[in-house]
Amino acid sequence: MLAFILHAPDSLIARVALDRFGRPLPPFDPTRWENHDSTIIGLAVLSALYLWGIAPYRRRAGIAEKAGPWQIASFFGGILVAYLALNGPVHDLSDYYLFSVHMTQHLMLTQLMPPLLLMGVPAFVLRPLIRPRWVRAVAGFLSRPVVAFSLYSVCFSAWHLQGAYDLMMRNHNVHIFTHLQFMVTAVIMWWPILSPLREYPRLSYGGQLIYLFLLGIPMMFVAALITLADVVLYPWYAPAPRVLGFTPLDDQKLGGLMMWVPGGLFYWGVMTVVFFRWVAREKRLDAEEASQREARQAPAG
């Protein structure tokens, strides 16, 4: 069924592999590193706003709270992940040579970068942004777990339909828009787990476990269909010079496995962290309750 929906006719397969400038595509050169102005500018602006928020703005607003070293490291870890995903060999392999690297790139932009950014941003940096009433209303709607789950899952799944994927690969502006959409919806998706604002609180620990379990299902469903397909669903990479001897079908299966196994296990890893935090909190609460009970039962002076 997926093959019928996604399989492209032969007419869609380019006879000569071309880069986005219409030049014949050479064999992949692992020593070549190209930076892209749009990503550098975007990440630089985001970094500058963050630094302004945690220092000049904080002092001007008289806020005593500070961003901890681990928060700063987490935020710039997210910036580094985005930089590595959108420039250099990962970008070149993703855009022209290997479907499997493109899926790895998507995982970097949706599973690694957003949680690192969210864990790195103090609440006092975000709070001024939600002062307008309309922003609070929109943020309140988007941060609902059902909405956050649905936005991300639909976005991620829809762009792996053959027609949408082919459009994304053949139109560079659409490709940029797709990556922005992935990153924005992924930040929204992670919000119920890592929200830094009490105005839009995180789910309870039990709710987080259910949310994360359900979150992995759409991606694993798409990944399984891609992995088990016996035809090339995404012909964009077929005419490109081969890298490491991967055939287009082998490359496609590896890409599906990247989504299915590491992508799925990542959510289970986060679930494990949530579970142990839940257990630790319950133990702490039990200890506090026992201490208070002993204090009440102790004989007066």
Protein backbone atom coordinates (compact mmCIF):
# COMPACT_ATOMS: atom_id res chain seq x y z
CA MET A 1 0.00 0.00 0.00
CA LEU A 2 2.74 2.47 0.93
CA ALA A 3 4.69 1.48 -2.16
CA PHE A 4 1.62 2.25 -4.30
CA ILE A 5 1.22 5.64 -2.63
CA LEU A 6 4.87 6.60 -2.45
CA HIS A 7 6.55 4.90 -5.39
CA ALA A 8 7.53 7.40 -8.05
CA PRO A 9 7.21 6.67 -11.74
CA ASP A 10 10.45 6.37 -13.70
CA SER A 11 9.86 9.79 -15.20
CA LEU A 12 10.56 11.35 -11.80
CA ILE A 13 14.03 9.85 -11.60
CA ALA A 14 16.64 12.30 -12.84
CA ARG A 15 18.90 10.80 -15.48
CA VAL A 16 21.82 12.93 -14.31
CA ALA A 17 22.34 13.90 -10.67
CA LEU A 18 22.53 17.69 -10.29
CA ASP A 19 23.18 19.97 -7.36
CA ARG A 20 20.79 22.83 -6.55
CA PHE A 21 22.65 25.08 -9.00
CA GLY A 22 22.07 22.68 -11.88
CA ARG A 23 25.66 21.45 -12.02
CA PRO A 24 26.54 17.75 -12.45
CA LEU A 25 27.02 16.18 -9.03
CA PRO A 26 30.58 14.97 -8.39
CA PRO A 27 31.45 11.99 -6.17
CA PHE A 28 31.11 12.80 -2.47
CA ASP A 29 34.19 14.44 -0.96
CA PRO A 30 34.33 13.86 2.84
CA THR A 31 37.04 16.53 3.22
CA ARG A 32 34.83 19.29 1.83
CA TRP A 33 33.13 21.52 4.38
CA GLU A 34 30.67 24.15 3.22
CA ASN A 35 28.93 26.58 5.54
CA HIS A 36 25.57 28.02 4.52
CA ASP A 37 24.91 31.68 5.17
CA SER A 38 21.25 31.27 6.10
CA THR A 39 22.00 28.76 8.86
CA ILE A 40 24.99 30.69 10.19
CA ILE A 41 23.02 33.94 10.34
CA GLY A 42 19.99 32.26 11.94
CA LEU A 43 22.03 30.49 14.61
CA ALA A 44 24.08 33.62 15.27
CA VAL A 45 20.94 35.72 15.79
CA LEU A 46 19.44 33.09 18.10
CA SER A 47 22.68 32.93 20.10
CA ALA A 48 22.91 36.72 20.37
CA LEU A 49 19.31 36.98 21.62
CA TYR A 50 20.02 34.29 24.21
CA LEU A 51 23.17 36.01 25.46
CA TRP A 52 21.34 39.34 25.63
CA GLY A 53 18.51 37.72 27.59
CA ILE A 54 20.67 36.02 30.21
CA ALA A 55 22.92 39.04 30.82
CA PRO A 56 22.02 42.63 29.76
CA TYR A 57 18.25 42.09 29.88
CA ARG A 58 18.43 40.24 33.22
CA ARG A 59 20.46 43.05 34.81
CA ARG A 60 18.25 45.77 33.34
CA ALA A 61 15.10 44.05 34.61
CA GLY A 62 16.62 43.55 38.08
CA ILE A 63 16.18 39.77 37.96
CA ALA A 64 18.14 37.94 40.62
CA GLU A 65 17.92 34.54 38.94
CA LYS A 66 20.81 33.59 36.68
CA ALA A 67 21.32 31.05 33.95
CA GLY A 68 23.38 28.19 35.36
CA PRO A 69 26.51 26.92 33.59
CA TRP A 70 24.71 23.69 32.68
CA GLN A 71 21.87 25.70 31.10
CA ILE A 72 24.27 27.74 28.99
CA ALA A 73 26.11 24.57 27.96
CA SER A 74 22.82 22.89 27.06
CA PHE A 75 21.62 25.80 24.92
CA PHE A 76 24.84 26.07 22.97
CA GLY A 77 24.93 22.30 22.68
CA GLY A 78 21.64 22.61 20.80
CA ILE A 79 23.12 25.36 18.62
CA LEU A 80 26.10 23.11 17.86
CA VAL A 81 23.83 20.19 16.92
CA ALA A 82 21.91 22.44 14.50
CA TYR A 83 25.15 23.75 13.01
CA LEU A 84 26.54 20.26 12.43
CA ALA A 85 23.24 19.03 10.98
CA LEU A 86 22.81 21.88 8.50
CA ASN A 87 26.37 22.40 7.28
CA GLY A 88 29.35 20.40 6.14
CA PRO A 89 29.26 16.70 5.19
CA VAL A 90 25.91 15.97 6.88
CA HIS A 91 24.23 18.63 4.76
CA ASP A 92 25.87 17.47 1.52
CA LEU A 93 25.14 13.79 2.10
CA SER A 94 21.56 14.57 3.12
CA ASP A 95 20.81 16.81 0.16
CA TYR A 96 22.34 14.76 -2.63
CA TYR A 97 23.73 11.34 -1.78
CA LEU A 98 22.15 9.33 1.06
CA PHE A 99 18.58 9.07 2.30
CA SER A 100 19.88 7.44 5.50
CA VAL A 101 21.95 10.50 6.40
CA HIS A 102 18.95 12.71 5.66
CA MET A 103 16.93 10.74 8.21
CA THR A 104 19.79 11.08 10.71
CA GLN A 105 19.77 14.82 10.07
CA HIS A 106 16.03 14.95 10.79
CA LEU A 107 16.56 13.11 14.08
CA MET A 108 19.27 15.61 15.04
CA LEU A 109 16.91 18.50 14.35
CA THR A 110 13.89 17.01 16.13
CA GLN A 111 15.23 14.80 18.93
CA LEU A 112 18.52 16.41 19.96
CA MET A 113 18.41 20.13 19.24
CA PRO A 114 14.96 21.07 20.68
CA PRO A 115 15.36 19.46 24.14
CA LEU A 116 18.85 20.93 24.50
CA LEU A 117 17.53 24.40 23.69
CA LEU A 118 14.55 24.08 26.04
CA MET A 119 16.70 22.82 28.92
CA GLY A 120 19.04 25.75 28.37
CA VAL A 121 16.57 28.63 28.38
CA PRO A 122 15.71 30.09 31.81
CA ALA A 123 12.09 31.04 32.42
CA PHE A 124 12.96 34.73 32.88
CA VAL A 125 14.16 34.90 29.26
CA LEU A 126 10.87 33.59 27.87
CA ARG A 127 8.42 35.28 30.24
CA PRO A 128 8.49 38.73 28.55
CA LEU A 129 7.51 37.08 25.26
CA ILE A 130 4.18 35.87 26.64
CA ARG A 131 3.02 39.24 28.00
CA PRO A 132 0.75 40.08 25.02
CA ARG A 133 -2.64 38.47 25.48
CA TRP A 134 -2.71 36.98 22.00
CA VAL A 135 0.69 35.35 22.55
CA ARG A 136 -0.54 33.78 25.79
CA ALA A 137 -3.61 32.46 23.99
CA VAL A 138 -1.63 30.97 21.11
CA ALA A 139 1.01 29.52 23.44
CA GLY A 140 -1.67 28.03 25.68
CA PHE A 141 -3.26 26.30 22.69
CA LEU A 142 -0.02 25.03 21.14
CA SER A 143 1.34 23.74 24.46
CA ARG A 144 -1.62 21.41 24.98
CA PRO A 145 -0.22 17.87 24.76
CA VAL A 146 -2.76 16.70 22.17
CA VAL A 147 -2.05 19.71 19.95
CA ALA A 148 1.73 19.47 20.36
CA PHE A 149 1.66 15.73 19.64
CA SER A 150 -0.56 16.12 16.59
CA LEU A 151 1.31 19.03 15.01
CA TYR A 152 4.64 17.27 15.15
CA SER A 153 3.42 13.81 14.19
CA VAL A 154 1.42 15.03 11.18
CA CYS A 155 4.28 17.25 10.01
CA PHE A 156 6.91 14.53 10.33
CA SER A 157 4.77 11.84 8.69
CA ALA A 158 3.36 13.98 5.86
CA TRP A 159 6.75 15.08 4.57
CA HIS A 160 7.70 11.42 4.05
CA LEU A 161 4.94 10.90 1.51
CA GLN A 162 6.65 10.52 -1.86
CA GLY A 163 5.13 13.60 -3.49
CA ALA A 164 5.95 15.87 -0.56
CA TYR A 165 9.45 14.41 -0.17
CA ASP A 166 10.19 14.78 -3.87
CA LEU A 167 9.02 18.42 -3.80
CA MET A 168 11.19 19.09 -0.75
CA MET A 169 14.29 17.68 -2.43
CA ARG A 170 13.77 19.40 -5.79
CA ASN A 171 12.94 22.86 -4.40
CA HIS A 172 15.58 24.26 -2.07
CA ASN A 173 13.26 26.90 -0.60
CA VAL A 174 10.71 24.20 0.25
CA HIS A 175 13.53 22.17 1.82
CA ILE A 176 14.48 25.11 4.04
CA PHE A 177 10.83 25.58 5.01
CA THR A 178 10.54 21.88 5.83
CA HIS A 179 13.52 21.99 8.17
CA LEU A 180 12.15 25.10 9.89
CA GLN A 181 8.80 23.34 10.26
CA PHE A 182 10.45 20.26 11.74
CA MET A 183 12.39 22.34 14.26
CA VAL A 184 9.45 24.54 15.31
CA THR A 185 6.98 21.67 15.67
CA ALA A 186 9.63 19.62 17.51
CA VAL A 187 10.12 22.41 20.07
CA ILE A 188 6.34 22.50 20.55
CA MET A 189 6.30 18.70 20.81
CA TRP A 190 8.94 18.70 23.57
CA TRP A 191 7.20 21.47 25.52
CA PRO A 192 4.92 19.21 27.64
CA ILE A 193 8.07 17.36 28.77
CA LEU A 194 10.54 20.22 29.26
CA SER A 195 8.53 23.43 29.67
CA PRO A 196 10.56 26.04 31.59
CA LEU A 197 7.46 28.16 32.29
CA ARG A 198 5.06 27.47 35.15
CA GLU A 199 2.39 29.30 33.11
CA TYR A 200 2.50 26.34 30.71
CA PRO A 201 3.47 23.49 33.04
CA ARG A 202 4.91 20.13 32.19
CA LEU A 203 2.80 17.01 32.26
CA SER A 204 2.89 14.92 35.41
CA TYR A 205 5.51 12.18 35.40
CA GLY A 206 2.89 9.57 34.57
CA GLY A 207 1.52 11.79 31.80
CA GLN A 208 5.02 12.26 30.39
CA LEU A 209 5.53 8.50 30.17
CA ILE A 210 2.27 8.02 28.27
CA TYR A 211 3.00 11.00 26.02
CA LEU A 212 6.49 9.78 25.12
CA PHE A 213 5.26 6.23 24.49
CA LEU A 214 2.56 7.46 22.10
CA LEU A 215 4.97 9.90 20.46
CA GLY A 216 7.14 7.12 19.12
CA ILE A 217 4.31 5.24 17.41
CA PRO A 218 3.76 7.41 14.28
CA MET A 219 7.47 7.65 13.56
CA MET A 220 8.04 3.92 14.04
CA PHE A 221 5.05 3.17 11.77
CA VAL A 222 6.51 5.32 8.98
CA ALA A 223 9.98 3.89 9.60
CA ALA A 224 8.72 0.31 9.42
CA LEU A 225 6.95 0.92 6.11
CA ILE A 226 10.09 2.50 4.64
CA THR A 227 12.39 -0.24 5.95
CA LEU A 228 10.22 -3.09 4.71
CA ALA A 229 9.50 -1.63 1.27
CA ASP A 230 10.95 -3.68 -1.59
CA VAL A 231 11.03 -0.76 -4.06
CA VAL A 232 12.83 2.57 -4.04
CA LEU A 233 10.28 5.01 -2.64
CA TYR A 234 12.49 8.09 -2.88
CA PRO A 235 14.24 8.19 -6.28
CA TRP A 236 15.98 11.52 -5.70
CA TYR A 237 19.18 9.78 -4.60
CA ALA A 238 19.14 7.03 -7.26
CA PRO A 239 21.30 8.75 -9.92
CA ALA A 240 23.80 10.20 -7.40
CA PRO A 241 27.32 8.74 -7.21
CA ARG A 242 27.30 5.85 -4.75
CA VAL A 243 28.76 6.39 -1.28
CA LEU A 244 30.25 3.41 0.61
CA GLY A 245 28.75 1.10 -1.98
CA PHE A 246 25.16 1.52 -0.77
CA THR A 247 22.53 0.82 -3.39
CA PRO A 248 19.51 3.16 -3.34
CA LEU A 249 17.35 0.43 -1.80
CA ASP A 250 19.94 -0.48 0.85
CA ASP A 251 20.33 3.20 1.67
CA GLN A 252 16.56 3.56 2.01
CA LYS A 253 16.32 0.55 4.31
CA LEU A 254 19.13 1.94 6.47
CA GLY A 255 17.33 5.28 6.68
CA GLY A 256 14.17 3.54 7.81
CA LEU A 257 16.15 1.61 10.42
CA MET A 258 17.72 4.85 11.69
CA MET A 259 14.24 6.21 12.34
CA TRP A 260 12.93 2.91 13.70
CA VAL A 261 15.72 1.82 16.07
CA PRO A 262 17.81 4.79 17.31
CA GLY A 263 14.85 7.14 16.84
CA GLY A 264 12.52 4.88 18.79
CA LEU A 265 15.05 4.00 21.46
CA PHE A 266 15.66 7.69 22.09
CA TYR A 267 12.11 8.12 23.40
CA TRP A 268 12.51 5.03 25.56
CA GLY A 269 15.72 6.49 26.95
CA VAL A 270 13.91 9.70 27.88
CA MET A 271 11.11 7.62 29.40
CA THR A 272 13.68 5.86 31.57
CA VAL A 273 14.99 9.19 32.86
CA VAL A 274 11.43 10.37 33.59
CA PHE A 275 10.62 7.15 35.42
CA PHE A 276 13.64 7.35 37.72
CA ARG A 277 12.93 11.02 38.43
CA TRP A 278 9.39 10.02 39.37
CA VAL A 279 10.67 7.30 41.70
CA ALA A 280 13.19 9.70 43.28
CA ARG A 281 10.48 12.29 43.89
CA GLU A 282 8.17 9.74 45.49
CA LYS A 283 10.98 8.54 47.78
CA ARG A 284 11.75 12.12 48.77
CA LEU A 285 8.09 12.85 49.50
CA ASP A 286 7.78 9.64 51.53
CA ALA A 287 10.89 10.58 53.54
CA GLU A 288 9.54 14.08 54.20
CA GLU A 289 6.18 12.67 55.27
CA ALA A 290 7.85 10.15 57.61
CA SER A 291 9.99 12.91 59.11
CA GLN A 292 6.95 15.10 59.74
CA ARG A 293 5.08 12.17 61.28
CA GLU A 294 7.96 11.42 63.63
CA ALA A 295 8.12 15.09 64.61
CA ARG A 296 4.41 15.08 65.50
CA GLN A 297 4.72 11.86 67.49
CA ALA A 298 7.82 12.94 69.44
CA PRO A 299 7.06 13.72 73.14
CA ALA A 300 7.05 17.38 74.04
CA GLY A 301 10.21 18.81 75.80
